[in-house]
């Protein structure tokens, strides 16, 4: 038997102001998208913004449905739109911001498991990492150099 130790390394910034201007702009786009989310059931609004290698910025937000599994998270809304409209473009980075109407969200909130898997599909497809910045409504911002850092045992096409 052999034990395997897996570690993830994140950079954590105390505020958005510590980040480069282009990252602040991307986080602001995610916050703007978050404000337009349709989340009447969870009261948990999420916005995502991503930059493609062609310079396009794509945003998305969560869209809920009374039939809970029919909704879609912000990250997948943005990434699937990018994939449908710019199929040959690579995703360079993604920014995510989440807030709750029920309580303050002051610590970084990462993508859910389903979104991690969806992002992983594109990271594998494009054969380059996607930087991911994530935050709550304000406060600290976490940065992961790639999705693989957040989901080390990714399920991908080579296993099929």
Protein backbone atom coordinates (compact mmCIF):
# COMPACT_ATOMS: atom_id res chain seq x y z
CA UNK A 1 0.00 0.00 0.00
CA UNK A 2 1.14 3.51 -0.77
CA UNK A 3 -0.27 6.77 0.57
CA UNK A 4 -0.57 9.73 -1.74
CA UNK A 5 -0.64 13.23 -0.32
CA UNK A 6 -2.39 15.88 -2.37
CA UNK A 7 -1.99 19.57 -1.67
CA UNK A 8 -3.46 22.65 -3.27
CA UNK A 9 -1.73 25.98 -3.23
CA UNK A 10 -3.69 29.21 -3.49
CA UNK A 11 -2.64 32.82 -3.41
CA UNK A 12 -4.93 34.79 -1.09
CA UNK A 13 -5.20 38.57 -1.29
CA UNK A 14 -6.73 40.61 1.52
CA UNK A 15 -8.70 42.79 -0.91
CA UNK A 16 -9.26 43.23 -4.64
CA UNK A 17 -7.09 46.35 -4.51
CA UNK A 18 -3.96 44.19 -4.18
CA UNK A 19 -4.56 42.66 -7.61
CA UNK A 20 -3.44 43.91 -11.05
CA UNK A 21 -5.90 46.25 -12.79
CA UNK A 22 -6.98 43.69 -15.40
CA UNK A 23 -7.92 41.22 -12.64
CA UNK A 24 -9.83 43.92 -10.73
CA UNK A 25 -11.75 44.69 -13.94
CA UNK A 26 -12.59 41.01 -14.40
CA UNK A 27 -13.77 40.69 -10.78
CA UNK A 28 -15.89 43.82 -11.25
CA UNK A 29 -17.50 42.19 -14.30
CA UNK A 30 -18.23 39.10 -12.17
CA UNK A 31 -19.79 41.31 -9.48
CA UNK A 32 -21.95 43.07 -12.11
CA UNK A 33 -23.07 39.68 -13.42
CA UNK A 34 -23.77 38.52 -9.85
CA UNK A 35 -26.17 41.43 -9.36
CA UNK A 36 -28.25 40.18 -12.33
CA UNK A 37 -28.50 36.57 -11.11
CA UNK A 38 -31.90 34.94 -10.85
CA UNK A 39 -31.77 33.14 -7.49
CA UNK A 40 -35.21 33.43 -5.83
CA UNK A 41 -34.94 30.01 -4.13
CA UNK A 42 -31.43 29.91 -2.71
CA UNK A 43 -30.96 33.69 -2.31
CA UNK A 44 -27.35 32.95 -3.29
CA UNK A 45 -26.25 35.09 -6.22
CA UNK A 46 -23.14 34.15 -8.18
CA UNK A 47 -21.48 35.95 -11.06
CA UNK A 48 -18.65 34.77 -13.27
CA UNK A 49 -16.53 36.52 -15.86
CA UNK A 50 -13.92 34.96 -18.08
CA UNK A 51 -11.32 36.25 -20.51
CA UNK A 52 -10.65 34.43 -23.75
CA UNK A 53 -7.34 34.46 -25.60
CA UNK A 54 -9.00 36.62 -28.29
CA UNK A 55 -9.67 39.36 -25.69
CA UNK A 56 -13.41 38.70 -25.35
CA UNK A 57 -14.87 38.95 -21.85
CA UNK A 58 -17.82 36.64 -21.24
CA UNK A 59 -20.06 36.88 -18.17
CA UNK A 60 -22.65 34.60 -16.66
CA UNK A 61 -24.74 34.30 -13.52
CA UNK A 62 -26.72 31.60 -11.82
CA UNK A 63 -30.21 30.96 -13.13
CA UNK A 64 -32.49 29.01 -10.80
CA UNK A 65 -35.68 27.12 -11.52
CA UNK A 66 -38.47 25.84 -9.26
CA UNK A 67 -37.44 22.40 -10.48
CA UNK A 68 -34.06 22.64 -8.72
CA UNK A 69 -31.90 20.47 -10.97
CA UNK A 70 -32.95 22.56 -13.97
CA UNK A 71 -31.01 25.64 -12.89
CA UNK A 72 -27.50 26.48 -13.98
CA UNK A 73 -24.54 27.93 -12.10
CA UNK A 74 -22.81 31.16 -13.14
CA UNK A 75 -19.54 29.47 -14.09
CA UNK A 76 -21.22 26.98 -16.42
CA UNK A 77 -23.46 29.67 -17.92
CA UNK A 78 -20.35 31.67 -18.88
CA UNK A 79 -18.17 28.76 -19.96
CA UNK A 80 -20.85 27.12 -22.11
CA UNK A 81 -21.64 30.44 -23.80
CA UNK A 82 -17.94 30.91 -24.53
CA UNK A 83 -17.73 27.38 -25.92
CA UNK A 84 -20.77 27.87 -28.15
CA UNK A 85 -19.85 31.30 -29.49
CA UNK A 86 -16.03 31.05 -29.57
CA UNK A 87 -15.29 27.32 -29.96
CA UNK A 88 -11.65 27.83 -30.95
CA UNK A 89 -10.79 30.38 -28.26
CA UNK A 90 -8.98 29.38 -25.09
CA UNK A 91 -10.12 30.52 -21.67
CA UNK A 92 -7.26 32.38 -20.02
CA UNK A 93 -8.80 33.18 -16.64
CA UNK A 94 -12.07 33.23 -14.74
CA UNK A 95 -13.31 35.43 -11.89
CA UNK A 96 -16.16 34.46 -9.57
CA UNK A 97 -18.04 36.43 -6.93
CA UNK A 98 -20.84 35.09 -4.71
CA UNK A 99 -23.14 36.66 -2.18
CA UNK A 100 -26.02 35.49 -0.02
CA UNK A 101 -29.10 37.48 0.93
CA UNK A 102 -29.22 35.39 4.13
CA UNK A 103 -25.76 36.11 5.58
CA UNK A 104 -22.51 37.93 4.74
CA UNK A 105 -20.10 36.08 2.43
CA UNK A 106 -16.73 37.57 3.30
CA UNK A 107 -14.47 34.61 2.54
CA UNK A 108 -13.59 33.34 -0.95
CA UNK A 109 -16.24 30.99 -2.37
CA UNK A 110 -14.86 28.49 -4.91
CA UNK A 111 -16.77 26.86 -7.77
CA UNK A 112 -19.05 23.96 -6.82
CA UNK A 113 -18.11 20.41 -7.81
CA UNK A 114 -20.23 20.38 -10.98
CA UNK A 115 -18.67 23.64 -12.13
CA UNK A 116 -15.17 22.36 -11.35
CA UNK A 117 -15.84 19.38 -13.62
CA UNK A 118 -17.18 21.65 -16.40
CA UNK A 119 -14.17 23.96 -16.14
CA UNK A 120 -11.89 20.92 -16.13
CA UNK A 121 -13.36 19.80 -19.46
CA UNK A 122 -12.25 23.05 -21.07
CA UNK A 123 -8.85 23.06 -19.35
CA UNK A 124 -8.20 19.56 -20.72
CA UNK A 125 -9.61 20.45 -24.16
CA UNK A 126 -7.41 23.53 -24.55
CA UNK A 127 -4.34 21.90 -22.96
CA UNK A 128 -3.57 25.06 -20.97
CA UNK A 129 -4.45 26.00 -17.39
CA UNK A 130 -7.25 28.41 -16.55
CA UNK A 131 -6.46 30.86 -13.74
CA UNK A 132 -9.38 31.13 -11.33
CA UNK A 133 -9.98 34.06 -8.96
CA UNK A 134 -12.81 33.72 -6.47
CA UNK A 135 -14.30 35.82 -3.70
CA UNK A 136 -17.43 36.38 -1.64
CA UNK A 137 -19.27 39.69 -1.79
CA UNK A 138 -16.13 41.49 -0.58
CA UNK A 139 -12.97 40.83 1.34
CA UNK A 140 -10.33 38.24 0.52
CA UNK A 141 -9.75 36.99 -3.02
CA UNK A 142 -8.23 33.57 -3.69
CA UNK A 143 -6.34 32.67 -6.85
CA UNK A 144 -5.73 29.18 -8.20
CA UNK A 145 -3.28 28.82 -11.08
CA UNK A 146 -5.44 26.13 -12.64
CA UNK A 147 -8.60 24.13 -12.17
CA UNK A 148 -6.48 21.00 -11.67
CA UNK A 149 -5.30 22.61 -8.43
CA UNK A 150 -8.93 22.62 -7.18
CA UNK A 151 -9.87 19.21 -8.61
CA UNK A 152 -6.72 17.06 -8.67
CA UNK A 153 -8.38 13.79 -9.71
CA UNK A 154 -10.23 15.16 -12.71
CA UNK A 155 -12.53 12.87 -14.66
CA UNK A 156 -11.63 13.48 -18.30
CA UNK A 157 -11.82 12.01 -21.79
CA UNK A 158 -8.74 9.80 -21.53
CA UNK A 159 -10.55 7.49 -19.09
CA UNK A 160 -13.46 6.84 -21.47
